[in-house]
All heavy atoms as atom14 arrays in JSON, in Angstrom:
{
  "sequence": "HDVDAIVQHVLRILDGGVKAIDGTRVTLEAHSICVHGDTPG",
  "atom14_mask": [
    [1, 1, 1, 1, 1, 1, 1, 1, 1, 1, 0, 0, 0, 0],
    [1, 1, 1, 1, 1, 1, 1, 1, 0, 0, 0, 0, 0, 0],
    [1, 1, 1, 1, 1, 1, 1, 0, 0, 0, 0, 0, 0, 0],
    [1, 1, 1, 1, 1, 1, 1, 1, 0, 0, 0, 0, 0, 0],
    [1, 1, 1, 1, 1, 0, 0, 0, 0, 0, 0, 0, 0, 0],
    [1, 1, 1, 1, 1, 1, 1, 1, 0, 0, 0, 0, 0, 0],
    [1, 1, 1, 1, 1, 1, 1, 0, 0, 0, 0, 0, 0, 0],
    [1, 1, 1, 1, 1, 1, 1, 1, 1, 0, 0, 0, 0, 0],
    [1, 1, 1, 1, 1, 1, 1, 1, 1, 1, 0, 0, 0, 0],
    [1, 1, 1, 1, 1, 1, 1, 0, 0, 0, 0, 0, 0, 0],
    [1, 1, 1, 1, 1, 1, 1, 1, 0, 0, 0, 0, 0, 0],
    [1, 1, 1, 1, 1, 1, 1, 1, 1, 1, 1, 0, 0, 0],
    [1, 1, 1, 1, 1, 1, 1, 1, 0, 0, 0, 0, 0, 0],
    [1, 1, 1, 1, 1, 1, 1, 1, 0, 0, 0, 0, 0, 0],
    [1, 1, 1, 1, 1, 1, 1, 1, 0, 0, 0, 0, 0, 0],
    [1, 1, 1, 1, 0, 0, 0, 0, 0, 0, 0, 0, 0, 0],
    [1, 1, 1, 1, 0, 0, 0, 0, 0, 0, 0, 0, 0, 0],
    [1, 1, 1, 1, 1, 1, 1, 0, 0, 0, 0, 0, 0, 0],
    [1, 1, 1, 1, 1, 1, 1, 1, 1, 0, 0, 0, 0, 0],
    [1, 1, 1, 1, 1, 0, 0, 0, 0, 0, 0, 0, 0, 0],
    [1, 1, 1, 1, 1, 1, 1, 1, 0, 0, 0, 0, 0, 0],
    [1, 1, 1, 1, 1, 1, 1, 1, 0, 0, 0, 0, 0, 0],
    [1, 1, 1, 1, 0, 0, 0, 0, 0, 0, 0, 0, 0, 0],
    [1, 1, 1, 1, 1, 1, 1, 0, 0, 0, 0, 0, 0, 0],
    [1, 1, 1, 1, 1, 1, 1, 1, 1, 1, 1, 0, 0, 0],
    [1, 1, 1, 1, 1, 1, 1, 0, 0, 0, 0, 0, 0, 0],
    [1, 1, 1, 1, 1, 1, 1, 0, 0, 0, 0, 0, 0, 0],
    [1, 1, 1, 1, 1, 1, 1, 1, 0, 0, 0, 0, 0, 0],
    [1, 1, 1, 1, 1, 1, 1, 1, 1, 0, 0, 0, 0, 0],
    [1, 1, 1, 1, 1, 0, 0, 0, 0, 0, 0, 0, 0, 0],
    [1, 1, 1, 1, 1, 1, 1, 1, 1, 1, 0, 0, 0, 0],
    [1, 1, 1, 1, 1, 1, 0, 0, 0, 0, 0, 0, 0, 0],
    [1, 1, 1, 1, 1, 1, 1, 1, 0, 0, 0, 0, 0, 0],
    [1, 1, 1, 1, 1, 1, 0, 0, 0, 0, 0, 0, 0, 0],
    [1, 1, 1, 1, 1, 1, 1, 0, 0, 0, 0, 0, 0, 0],
    [1, 1, 1, 1, 1, 1, 1, 1, 1, 1, 0, 0, 0, 0],
    [1, 1, 1, 1, 0, 0, 0, 0, 0, 0, 0, 0, 0, 0],
    [1, 1, 1, 1, 1, 1, 1, 1, 0, 0, 0, 0, 0, 0],
    [1, 1, 1, 1, 1, 1, 1, 0, 0, 0, 0, 0, 0, 0],
    [1, 1, 1, 1, 1, 1, 1, 0, 0, 0, 0, 0, 0, 0],
    [1, 1, 1, 1, 0, 0, 0, 0, 0, 0, 0, 0, 0, 0]
  ],
  "atom14_positions": [
    [[-10.27, -1.73, -1.23], [-11.03, -3.01, -0.8], [-10.56, -4.22, -1.62], [-10.67, -5.34, -1.08], [-12.38, -2.72, -1.03], [-13.05, -1.57, -0.24], [-13.26, -1.79, 1.19], [-13.31, -0.31, -0.39], [-13.74, -0.68, 1.7], [-13.81, 0.27, 0.83], [0.0, 0.0, 0.0], [0.0, 0.0, 0.0], [0.0, 0.0, 0.0], [0.0, 0.0, 0.0]],
    [[-10.13, -4.13, -2.79], [-9.74, -5.22, -3.66], [-8.27, -5.85, -3.09], [-7.29, -5.14, -3.02], [-9.52, -4.91, -5.03], [-9.09, -5.95, -5.98], [-10.09, -6.65, -6.42], [-7.97, -6.25, -6.17], [0.0, 0.0, 0.0], [0.0, 0.0, 0.0], [0.0, 0.0, 0.0], [0.0, 0.0, 0.0], [0.0, 0.0, 0.0], [0.0, 0.0, 0.0]],
    [[-8.41, -7.08, -2.6], [-7.28, -7.71, -1.9], [-6.02, -7.85, -2.88], [-4.93, -7.6, -2.43], [-7.7, -9.13, -1.41], [-6.4, -9.75, -0.75], [-8.8, -8.96, -0.36], [0.0, 0.0, 0.0], [0.0, 0.0, 0.0], [0.0, 0.0, 0.0], [0.0, 0.0, 0.0], [0.0, 0.0, 0.0], [0.0, 0.0, 0.0], [0.0, 0.0, 0.0]],
    [[-6.39, -8.24, -4.21], [-5.18, -8.3, -5.03], [-4.52, -6.94, -5.26], [-3.26, -6.9, -5.26], [-5.69, -8.79, -6.44], [-6.09, -10.29, -6.43], [-5.6, -10.97, -5.59], [-6.87, -10.63, -7.36], [0.0, 0.0, 0.0], [0.0, 0.0, 0.0], [0.0, 0.0, 0.0], [0.0, 0.0, 0.0], [0.0, 0.0, 0.0], [0.0, 0.0, 0.0]],
    [[-5.26, -5.82, -5.45], [-4.66, -4.44, -5.44], [-3.97, -4.11, -4.2], [-2.91, -3.44, -4.31], [-5.86, -3.42, -5.84], [0.0, 0.0, 0.0], [0.0, 0.0, 0.0], [0.0, 0.0, 0.0], [0.0, 0.0, 0.0], [0.0, 0.0, 0.0], [0.0, 0.0, 0.0], [0.0, 0.0, 0.0], [0.0, 0.0, 0.0], [0.0, 0.0, 0.0]],
    [[-4.54, -4.39, -3.04], [-3.84, -4.19, -1.77], [-2.48, -4.96, -1.69], [-1.5, -4.33, -1.26], [-4.77, -4.6, -0.56], [-5.96, -3.67, -0.46], [-3.98, -4.65, 0.71], [-7.1, -4.08, 0.36], [0.0, 0.0, 0.0], [0.0, 0.0, 0.0], [0.0, 0.0, 0.0], [0.0, 0.0, 0.0], [0.0, 0.0, 0.0], [0.0, 0.0, 0.0]],
    [[-2.47, -6.16, -2.07], [-1.16, -6.92, -2.05], [-0.19, -6.23, -2.95], [0.95, -6.06, -2.59], [-1.51, -8.36, -2.57], [-0.05, -9.05, -2.82], [-2.17, -9.15, -1.55], [0.0, 0.0, 0.0], [0.0, 0.0, 0.0], [0.0, 0.0, 0.0], [0.0, 0.0, 0.0], [0.0, 0.0, 0.0], [0.0, 0.0, 0.0], [0.0, 0.0, 0.0]],
    [[-0.49, -5.71, -4.18], [0.51, -5.01, -5.02], [0.86, -3.71, -4.35], [2.01, -3.39, -4.46], [-0.21, -4.82, -6.34], [-0.43, -6.01, -7.21], [0.85, -6.83, -7.37], [1.87, -6.27, -7.78], [0.77, -8.1, -7.07], [0.0, 0.0, 0.0], [0.0, 0.0, 0.0], [0.0, 0.0, 0.0], [0.0, 0.0, 0.0], [0.0, 0.0, 0.0]],
    [[-0.08, -3.01, -3.69], [0.2, -1.91, -2.94], [1.35, -2.13, -1.88], [2.24, -1.28, -1.83], [-1.13, -1.3, -2.38], [-0.93, -0.03, -1.48], [-0.64, 1.2, -2.07], [-1.06, 0.16, -0.15], [-0.7, 2.12, -1.06], [-0.92, 1.51, 0.05], [0.0, 0.0, 0.0], [0.0, 0.0, 0.0], [0.0, 0.0, 0.0], [0.0, 0.0, 0.0]],
    [[1.14, -3.31, -1.22], [2.02, -3.58, -0.15], [3.37, -3.88, -0.75], [4.52, -3.51, -0.1], [1.45, -4.75, 0.7], [2.67, -5.31, 1.65], [0.29, -4.31, 1.55], [0.0, 0.0, 0.0], [0.0, 0.0, 0.0], [0.0, 0.0, 0.0], [0.0, 0.0, 0.0], [0.0, 0.0, 0.0], [0.0, 0.0, 0.0], [0.0, 0.0, 0.0]],
    [[3.55, -4.57, -1.78], [4.76, -4.97, -2.45], [5.51, -3.66, -2.74], [6.68, -3.6, -2.73], [4.51, -5.83, -3.57], [4.08, -7.4, -3.18], [3.76, -8.15, -4.45], [4.98, -7.97, -2.27], [0.0, 0.0, 0.0], [0.0, 0.0, 0.0], [0.0, 0.0, 0.0], [0.0, 0.0, 0.0], [0.0, 0.0, 0.0], [0.0, 0.0, 0.0]],
    [[4.73, -2.61, -3.29], [5.32, -1.45, -3.6], [5.97, -0.71, -2.46], [6.99, -0.01, -2.45], [4.33, -0.6, -4.4], [4.12, -0.85, -5.94], [3.34, 0.26, -6.67], [2.01, 0.28, -6.15], [0.94, -0.42, -6.74], [1.13, -1.19, -7.75], [-0.23, -0.27, -6.3], [0.0, 0.0, 0.0], [0.0, 0.0, 0.0], [0.0, 0.0, 0.0]],
    [[5.16, -0.79, -1.32], [5.74, -0.23, -0.09], [7.05, -0.85, 0.28], [8.02, -0.23, 0.67], [4.74, -0.35, 1.09], [3.43, 0.42, 0.86], [5.36, -0.1, 2.4], [2.37, 0.16, 1.75], [0.0, 0.0, 0.0], [0.0, 0.0, 0.0], [0.0, 0.0, 0.0], [0.0, 0.0, 0.0], [0.0, 0.0, 0.0], [0.0, 0.0, 0.0]],
    [[7.19, -2.18, 0.19], [8.36, -2.94, 0.45], [9.48, -2.41, -0.44], [10.7, -2.41, -0.04], [8.18, -4.47, 0.24], [7.27, -5.04, 1.24], [7.22, -6.72, 0.9], [7.56, -4.93, 2.65], [0.0, 0.0, 0.0], [0.0, 0.0, 0.0], [0.0, 0.0, 0.0], [0.0, 0.0, 0.0], [0.0, 0.0, 0.0], [0.0, 0.0, 0.0]],
    [[9.18, -1.99, -1.68], [10.09, -1.44, -2.6], [10.41, 0.08, -2.41], [11.12, 0.56, -3.32], [9.61, -1.73, -4.01], [10.66, -1.68, -5.05], [11.8, -2.13, -4.74], [10.38, -1.16, -6.15], [0.0, 0.0, 0.0], [0.0, 0.0, 0.0], [0.0, 0.0, 0.0], [0.0, 0.0, 0.0], [0.0, 0.0, 0.0], [0.0, 0.0, 0.0]],
    [[9.9, 0.61, -1.34], [10.22, 2.11, -1.04], [9.34, 3.13, -1.56], [9.77, 4.21, -1.73], [0.0, 0.0, 0.0], [0.0, 0.0, 0.0], [0.0, 0.0, 0.0], [0.0, 0.0, 0.0], [0.0, 0.0, 0.0], [0.0, 0.0, 0.0], [0.0, 0.0, 0.0], [0.0, 0.0, 0.0], [0.0, 0.0, 0.0], [0.0, 0.0, 0.0]],
    [[8.12, 2.67, -2.05], [7.16, 3.78, -2.55], [5.74, 3.28, -2.69], [5.46, 2.14, -2.4], [0.0, 0.0, 0.0], [0.0, 0.0, 0.0], [0.0, 0.0, 0.0], [0.0, 0.0, 0.0], [0.0, 0.0, 0.0], [0.0, 0.0, 0.0], [0.0, 0.0, 0.0], [0.0, 0.0, 0.0], [0.0, 0.0, 0.0], [0.0, 0.0, 0.0]],
    [[4.9, 4.21, -3.12], [3.45, 3.87, -3.36], [3.0, 4.61, -4.53], [3.65, 5.61, -4.92], [2.48, 4.31, -2.16], [2.8, 3.46, -0.92], [2.74, 5.8, -1.79], [0.0, 0.0, 0.0], [0.0, 0.0, 0.0], [0.0, 0.0, 0.0], [0.0, 0.0, 0.0], [0.0, 0.0, 0.0], [0.0, 0.0, 0.0], [0.0, 0.0, 0.0]],
    [[1.91, 4.14, -5.1], [1.26, 4.85, -6.25], [0.28, 5.7, -5.68], [-0.69, 5.21, -5.08], [0.76, 3.81, -7.26], [0.1, 4.51, -8.5], [-0.76, 3.49, -9.31], [0.2, 2.54, -10.03], [-0.59, 1.64, -10.93], [0.0, 0.0, 0.0], [0.0, 0.0, 0.0], [0.0, 0.0, 0.0], [0.0, 0.0, 0.0], [0.0, 0.0, 0.0]],
    [[0.38, 6.98, -5.87], [-0.63, 7.95, -5.38], [-1.92, 7.86, -6.0], [-1.99, 7.23, -7.22], [-0.05, 9.41, -5.46], [0.0, 0.0, 0.0], [0.0, 0.0, 0.0], [0.0, 0.0, 0.0], [0.0, 0.0, 0.0], [0.0, 0.0, 0.0], [0.0, 0.0, 0.0], [0.0, 0.0, 0.0], [0.0, 0.0, 0.0], [0.0, 0.0, 0.0]],
    [[-2.94, 8.46, -5.65], [-4.28, 8.41, -6.15], [-4.34, 9.0, -7.49], [-5.13, 8.56, -8.44], [-5.32, 9.03, -5.23], [-6.8, 8.57, -5.63], [-5.2, 10.56, -5.28], [-7.73, 8.8, -4.55], [0.0, 0.0, 0.0], [0.0, 0.0, 0.0], [0.0, 0.0, 0.0], [0.0, 0.0, 0.0], [0.0, 0.0, 0.0], [0.0, 0.0, 0.0]],
    [[-3.4, 9.82, -7.84], [-3.33, 10.41, -9.31], [-2.41, 9.63, -10.27], [-2.23, 9.96, -11.37], [-2.84, 11.87, -9.26], [-1.35, 11.99, -8.71], [-0.79, 10.99, -8.27], [-0.79, 13.07, -8.88], [0.0, 0.0, 0.0], [0.0, 0.0, 0.0], [0.0, 0.0, 0.0], [0.0, 0.0, 0.0], [0.0, 0.0, 0.0], [0.0, 0.0, 0.0]],
    [[-1.99, 8.4, -9.66], [-1.02, 7.56, -10.5], [0.31, 7.79, -10.41], [1.19, 7.02, -10.96], [0.0, 0.0, 0.0], [0.0, 0.0, 0.0], [0.0, 0.0, 0.0], [0.0, 0.0, 0.0], [0.0, 0.0, 0.0], [0.0, 0.0, 0.0], [0.0, 0.0, 0.0], [0.0, 0.0, 0.0], [0.0, 0.0, 0.0], [0.0, 0.0, 0.0]],
    [[0.84, 8.96, -9.79], [2.4, 9.25, -9.62], [2.89, 8.31, -8.64], [2.23, 7.73, -7.64], [2.54, 10.59, -9.39], [1.85, 10.95, -8.12], [2.05, 11.44, -10.47], [0.0, 0.0, 0.0], [0.0, 0.0, 0.0], [0.0, 0.0, 0.0], [0.0, 0.0, 0.0], [0.0, 0.0, 0.0], [0.0, 0.0, 0.0], [0.0, 0.0, 0.0]],
    [[4.16, 8.09, -8.75], [4.93, 7.28, -7.58], [5.34, 8.24, -6.58], [6.04, 9.28, -6.88], [6.01, 6.45, -8.3], [6.72, 5.53, -7.26], [7.94, 4.8, -7.79], [8.33, 3.72, -6.99], [9.2, 4.05, -5.95], [9.67, 5.17, -5.78], [9.59, 2.96, -5.26], [0.0, 0.0, 0.0], [0.0, 0.0, 0.0], [0.0, 0.0, 0.0]],
    [[5.17, 7.81, -5.35], [5.68, 8.58, -4.2], [6.67, 7.72, -3.37], [6.4, 6.57, -3.02], [4.6, 9.02, -3.24], [4.97, 9.87, -2.01], [3.41, 9.79, -4.02], [0.0, 0.0, 0.0], [0.0, 0.0, 0.0], [0.0, 0.0, 0.0], [0.0, 0.0, 0.0], [0.0, 0.0, 0.0], [0.0, 0.0, 0.0], [0.0, 0.0, 0.0]],
    [[7.79, 8.23, -3.21], [8.86, 7.64, -2.37], [8.35, 7.6, -0.91], [7.92, 8.52, -0.39], [10.21, 8.29, -2.42], [10.65, 8.34, -3.75], [11.24, 7.57, -1.55], [0.0, 0.0, 0.0], [0.0, 0.0, 0.0], [0.0, 0.0, 0.0], [0.0, 0.0, 0.0], [0.0, 0.0, 0.0], [0.0, 0.0, 0.0], [0.0, 0.0, 0.0]],
    [[8.48, 6.41, -0.29], [7.95, 6.23, 1.05], [8.87, 5.23, 1.83], [9.07, 4.05, 1.39], [6.56, 5.7, 0.91], [5.78, 5.6, 2.3], [5.41, 7.0, 2.77], [4.4, 4.86, 2.12], [0.0, 0.0, 0.0], [0.0, 0.0, 0.0], [0.0, 0.0, 0.0], [0.0, 0.0, 0.0], [0.0, 0.0, 0.0], [0.0, 0.0, 0.0]],
    [[9.34, 5.62, 2.93], [10.08, 4.8, 3.89], [9.16, 4.22, 4.94], [8.48, 5.01, 5.57], [11.25, 5.51, 4.54], [12.05, 4.65, 5.46], [13.21, 5.48, 6.13], [13.35, 6.68, 5.8], [13.92, 4.82, 6.97], [0.0, 0.0, 0.0], [0.0, 0.0, 0.0], [0.0, 0.0, 0.0], [0.0, 0.0, 0.0], [0.0, 0.0, 0.0]],
    [[9.1, 2.96, 5.17], [8.16, 2.32, 6.17], [8.86, 1.21, 6.95], [9.57, 0.43, 6.3], [6.89, 1.84, 5.53], [0.0, 0.0, 0.0], [0.0, 0.0, 0.0], [0.0, 0.0, 0.0], [0.0, 0.0, 0.0], [0.0, 0.0, 0.0], [0.0, 0.0, 0.0], [0.0, 0.0, 0.0], [0.0, 0.0, 0.0], [0.0, 0.0, 0.0]],
    [[8.7, 1.2, 8.17], [9.25, 0.12, 9.06], [8.07, -0.77, 9.54], [8.28, -1.65, 10.2], [10.02, 0.72, 10.28], [11.06, 1.75, 9.85], [11.0, 2.98, 10.36], [12.08, 1.65, 8.93], [12.13, 3.67, 9.89], [12.59, 2.85, 8.91], [0.0, 0.0, 0.0], [0.0, 0.0, 0.0], [0.0, 0.0, 0.0], [0.0, 0.0, 0.0]],
    [[6.85, -0.2, 9.25], [5.64, -0.89, 9.77], [4.55, -0.74, 8.82], [4.37, 0.34, 8.24], [5.16, -0.48, 11.24], [4.12, -1.25, 11.65], [0.0, 0.0, 0.0], [0.0, 0.0, 0.0], [0.0, 0.0, 0.0], [0.0, 0.0, 0.0], [0.0, 0.0, 0.0], [0.0, 0.0, 0.0], [0.0, 0.0, 0.0], [0.0, 0.0, 0.0]],
    [[3.61, -1.71, 8.6], [2.52, -1.63, 7.7], [1.27, -1.88, 8.4], [1.17, -2.88, 9.09], [2.65, -2.49, 6.39], [3.93, -2.21, 5.66], [1.41, -2.42, 5.59], [4.21, -3.13, 4.52], [0.0, 0.0, 0.0], [0.0, 0.0, 0.0], [0.0, 0.0, 0.0], [0.0, 0.0, 0.0], [0.0, 0.0, 0.0], [0.0, 0.0, 0.0]],
    [[0.27, -1.03, 8.36], [-0.86, -1.17, 9.09], [-2.05, -1.89, 8.2], [-2.25, -1.44, 7.05], [-1.47, 0.26, 9.5], [-3.01, 0.12, 10.41], [0.0, 0.0, 0.0], [0.0, 0.0, 0.0], [0.0, 0.0, 0.0], [0.0, 0.0, 0.0], [0.0, 0.0, 0.0], [0.0, 0.0, 0.0], [0.0, 0.0, 0.0], [0.0, 0.0, 0.0]],
    [[-2.71, -2.89, 8.7], [-3.89, -3.37, 8.21], [-5.09, -2.98, 9.25], [-5.07, -3.5, 10.29], [-3.91, -4.92, 8.06], [-5.22, -5.39, 7.47], [-2.66, -5.31, 7.22], [0.0, 0.0, 0.0], [0.0, 0.0, 0.0], [0.0, 0.0, 0.0], [0.0, 0.0, 0.0], [0.0, 0.0, 0.0], [0.0, 0.0, 0.0], [0.0, 0.0, 0.0]],
    [[-6.11, -2.25, 8.82], [-7.17, -1.81, 9.68], [-8.03, -3.05, 9.96], [-8.51, -3.66, 9.09], [-8.03, -0.86, 9.07], [-7.35, 0.59, 9.15], [-6.71, 1.2, 8.09], [-7.15, 1.47, 10.17], [-6.08, 2.39, 8.41], [-6.36, 2.4, 9.6], [0.0, 0.0, 0.0], [0.0, 0.0, 0.0], [0.0, 0.0, 0.0], [0.0, 0.0, 0.0]],
    [[-8.21, -3.25, 11.28], [-9.03, -4.49, 11.71], [-10.44, -4.35, 11.5], [-11.24, -5.35, 11.51], [0.0, 0.0, 0.0], [0.0, 0.0, 0.0], [0.0, 0.0, 0.0], [0.0, 0.0, 0.0], [0.0, 0.0, 0.0], [0.0, 0.0, 0.0], [0.0, 0.0, 0.0], [0.0, 0.0, 0.0], [0.0, 0.0, 0.0], [0.0, 0.0, 0.0]],
    [[-10.94, -3.15, 11.27], [-12.39, -2.88, 11.05], [-12.76, -2.92, 9.55], [-13.95, -2.83, 9.19], [-12.82, -1.62, 11.73], [-12.15, -0.35, 11.04], [-11.0, -0.4, 10.94], [-12.91, 0.56, 10.63], [0.0, 0.0, 0.0], [0.0, 0.0, 0.0], [0.0, 0.0, 0.0], [0.0, 0.0, 0.0], [0.0, 0.0, 0.0], [0.0, 0.0, 0.0]],
    [[-11.81, -3.02, 8.64], [-12.13, -2.99, 7.23], [-12.7, -4.4, 6.91], [-12.32, -5.52, 7.41], [-10.76, -2.89, 6.44], [-10.15, -1.7, 6.73], [-11.07, -3.07, 4.9], [0.0, 0.0, 0.0], [0.0, 0.0, 0.0], [0.0, 0.0, 0.0], [0.0, 0.0, 0.0], [0.0, 0.0, 0.0], [0.0, 0.0, 0.0], [0.0, 0.0, 0.0]],
    [[-13.84, -4.41, 6.15], [-14.53, -5.67, 5.75], [-13.52, -6.65, 5.08], [-12.64, -6.19, 4.29], [-15.49, -5.27, 4.81], [-15.91, -3.85, 5.21], [-14.62, -3.17, 5.71], [0.0, 0.0, 0.0], [0.0, 0.0, 0.0], [0.0, 0.0, 0.0], [0.0, 0.0, 0.0], [0.0, 0.0, 0.0], [0.0, 0.0, 0.0], [0.0, 0.0, 0.0]],
    [[-13.49, -7.89, 5.51], [-12.41, -8.91, 5.01], [-11.02, -8.68, 5.5], [-10.08, -9.16, 4.96], [0.0, 0.0, 0.0], [0.0, 0.0, 0.0], [0.0, 0.0, 0.0], [0.0, 0.0, 0.0], [0.0, 0.0, 0.0], [0.0, 0.0, 0.0], [0.0, 0.0, 0.0], [0.0, 0.0, 0.0], [0.0, 0.0, 0.0], [0.0, 0.0, 0.0]]
  ]
}
């Protein structure tokens, strides 16, 4: 929900990975990023 945290999450996706919920880095290939339209804000 925190927009600043979401932006950092997206930048990590652009760099080829994400931080998992346990803090580890997961390699992730993505050609599209989803923003849920029903999420508040």
